[in-house]
Each structure stands twice: as structure tokens, then as C-alpha cells.
Protein backbone atom coordinates (compact mmCIF):
# COMPACT_ATOMS: atom_id res chain seq x y z
CA MET A 1 62.23 0.39 13.65
CA SER A 2 60.60 -1.31 10.44
CA GLN A 3 57.37 -1.19 9.97
CA PRO A 4 56.89 -2.36 6.79
CA PHE A 5 52.40 -2.80 7.20
CA LYS A 6 52.37 0.40 8.25
CA ASP A 7 50.15 1.49 5.56
CA ILE A 8 47.65 -1.78 6.44
CA ARG A 9 44.35 -2.11 8.46
CA VAL A 10 43.68 -4.99 10.86
CA ILE A 11 40.13 -5.12 11.67
CA ASP A 12 40.60 -7.60 14.93
CA LEU A 13 37.93 -9.61 15.82
CA THR A 14 39.86 -12.61 17.33
CA HIS A 15 39.87 -13.47 21.22
CA VAL A 16 41.50 -16.03 24.02
CA LEU A 17 45.03 -16.31 22.63
CA ALA A 18 46.19 -17.16 19.22
CA GLY A 19 44.11 -14.74 16.91
CA PRO A 20 44.91 -11.45 19.29
CA PHE A 21 48.40 -12.87 19.28
CA ALA A 22 48.29 -12.62 15.65
CA THR A 23 46.96 -9.53 15.42
CA TYR A 24 49.66 -7.66 17.73
CA GLN A 25 52.46 -8.31 16.31
CA PHE A 26 50.88 -7.21 12.57
CA ALA A 27 50.79 -4.42 15.29
CA LEU A 28 54.19 -4.17 16.18
CA LEU A 29 55.39 -3.92 12.20
CA GLY A 30 52.97 -0.85 12.44
CA ALA A 31 49.56 -2.07 11.14
CA ASP A 32 46.68 -0.45 12.21
CA VAL A 33 45.37 -3.14 14.31
CA ILE A 34 41.66 -1.57 16.16
CA LYS A 35 40.07 -4.87 17.98
CA VAL A 36 36.86 -5.91 18.32
CA GLU A 37 34.76 -6.86 20.76
CA ASN A 38 31.42 -7.49 21.57
CA PRO A 39 29.61 -4.77 24.61
CA LYS A 40 27.65 -7.98 26.04
CA ASN A 41 30.59 -10.76 25.86
CA PRO A 42 33.89 -9.50 25.99
CA ASP A 43 37.62 -10.87 25.32
CA CYS A 44 37.33 -13.66 28.32
CA ALA A 45 41.54 -13.21 28.42
CA ARG A 46 40.48 -9.46 29.73
CA GLY A 47 39.34 -11.61 32.95
CA ARG A 48 42.56 -14.02 32.74
CA GLY A 49 46.09 -12.74 34.56
CA GLY A 50 48.28 -12.67 37.66
CA ASN A 51 47.12 -9.48 39.29
CA THR A 52 42.99 -10.30 40.26
CA ALA A 53 42.54 -6.84 41.01
CA GLN A 54 43.04 -6.08 37.15
CA ASN A 55 41.72 -9.09 37.23
CA LYS A 56 38.33 -7.31 37.96
CA LYS A 57 38.91 -4.20 36.43
CA MET A 58 38.99 -6.86 33.14
CA LEU A 59 42.41 -5.21 32.09
CA GLY A 60 44.02 -9.01 32.99
CA MET A 61 47.24 -9.21 31.74
CA ASN A 62 46.68 -11.41 29.28
CA TYR A 63 44.88 -9.00 27.79
CA GLN A 64 46.80 -6.36 27.88
CA VAL A 65 50.33 -7.96 26.81
CA GLN A 66 48.44 -8.38 23.52
CA GLY A 67 45.85 -5.68 23.57
CA GLY A 68 49.57 -3.88 23.44
CA ASN A 69 49.71 -0.75 20.33
CA LYS A 70 45.83 -1.61 18.65
CA ARG A 71 43.50 0.64 18.71
CA ALA A 72 40.03 -0.65 19.96
CA ILE A 73 36.19 -0.06 19.93
CA SER A 74 33.32 -2.66 21.39
CA ILE A 75 30.51 -2.45 18.90
CA ASP A 76 26.91 -5.43 19.51
CA LEU A 77 27.51 -6.96 15.91
CA LYS A 78 24.05 -8.32 15.98
CA THR A 79 22.88 -5.24 15.65
CA SER A 80 22.12 -3.11 13.23
CA GLN A 81 23.21 0.03 14.39
CA GLY A 82 26.87 -2.10 15.20
CA GLN A 83 27.08 -3.03 11.61
CA SER A 84 26.51 -0.15 10.06
CA ILE A 85 29.64 2.02 12.75
CA PHE A 86 31.23 -1.45 11.44
């Protein structure tokens, strides 16, 4: 499979649907996508999907599908430590 974005890094600060889907497309095309989430308020898609047990674990199918081929980190960007890591 062609990977036209293999030398590109995408920092994914999106949530819910459109943004995560767009960055998922970059990941499929070879980009190094890093999903950044707030530890106190993670992506609400984590709790959505057809499996209630997975939703309760914050591993809802909606989140898993759009999280494919991405790395992830939880950072509080409102703190100086989180900003430094970012």
C-alpha cells in the first residue's frame, strides 16, 4: 500500500467524529498520528458503541475504529507540565 504521508507527523487534538476520522485517514496513508487527550475529559467517543461493557471501560467501538494506526498520550494542556510535554 502506498504511504504518501509516511514522513509526516500529525498531532491530533480533535474529538467526537469529524476530526478523529480525518486524522485516521492520515494514519491510513502513513502519517505518524499522535492522539492527545485531556486526562480529566477524554474523547466522548470512548463511551460510544454497541458494547456496553467496552463503553464503560472507555473503549467504545466508535473510539477504537477512529483510533486505529494512531499513538496516544494523555496530557493536561492547562498545566505548565502538560504544556512542556506538548
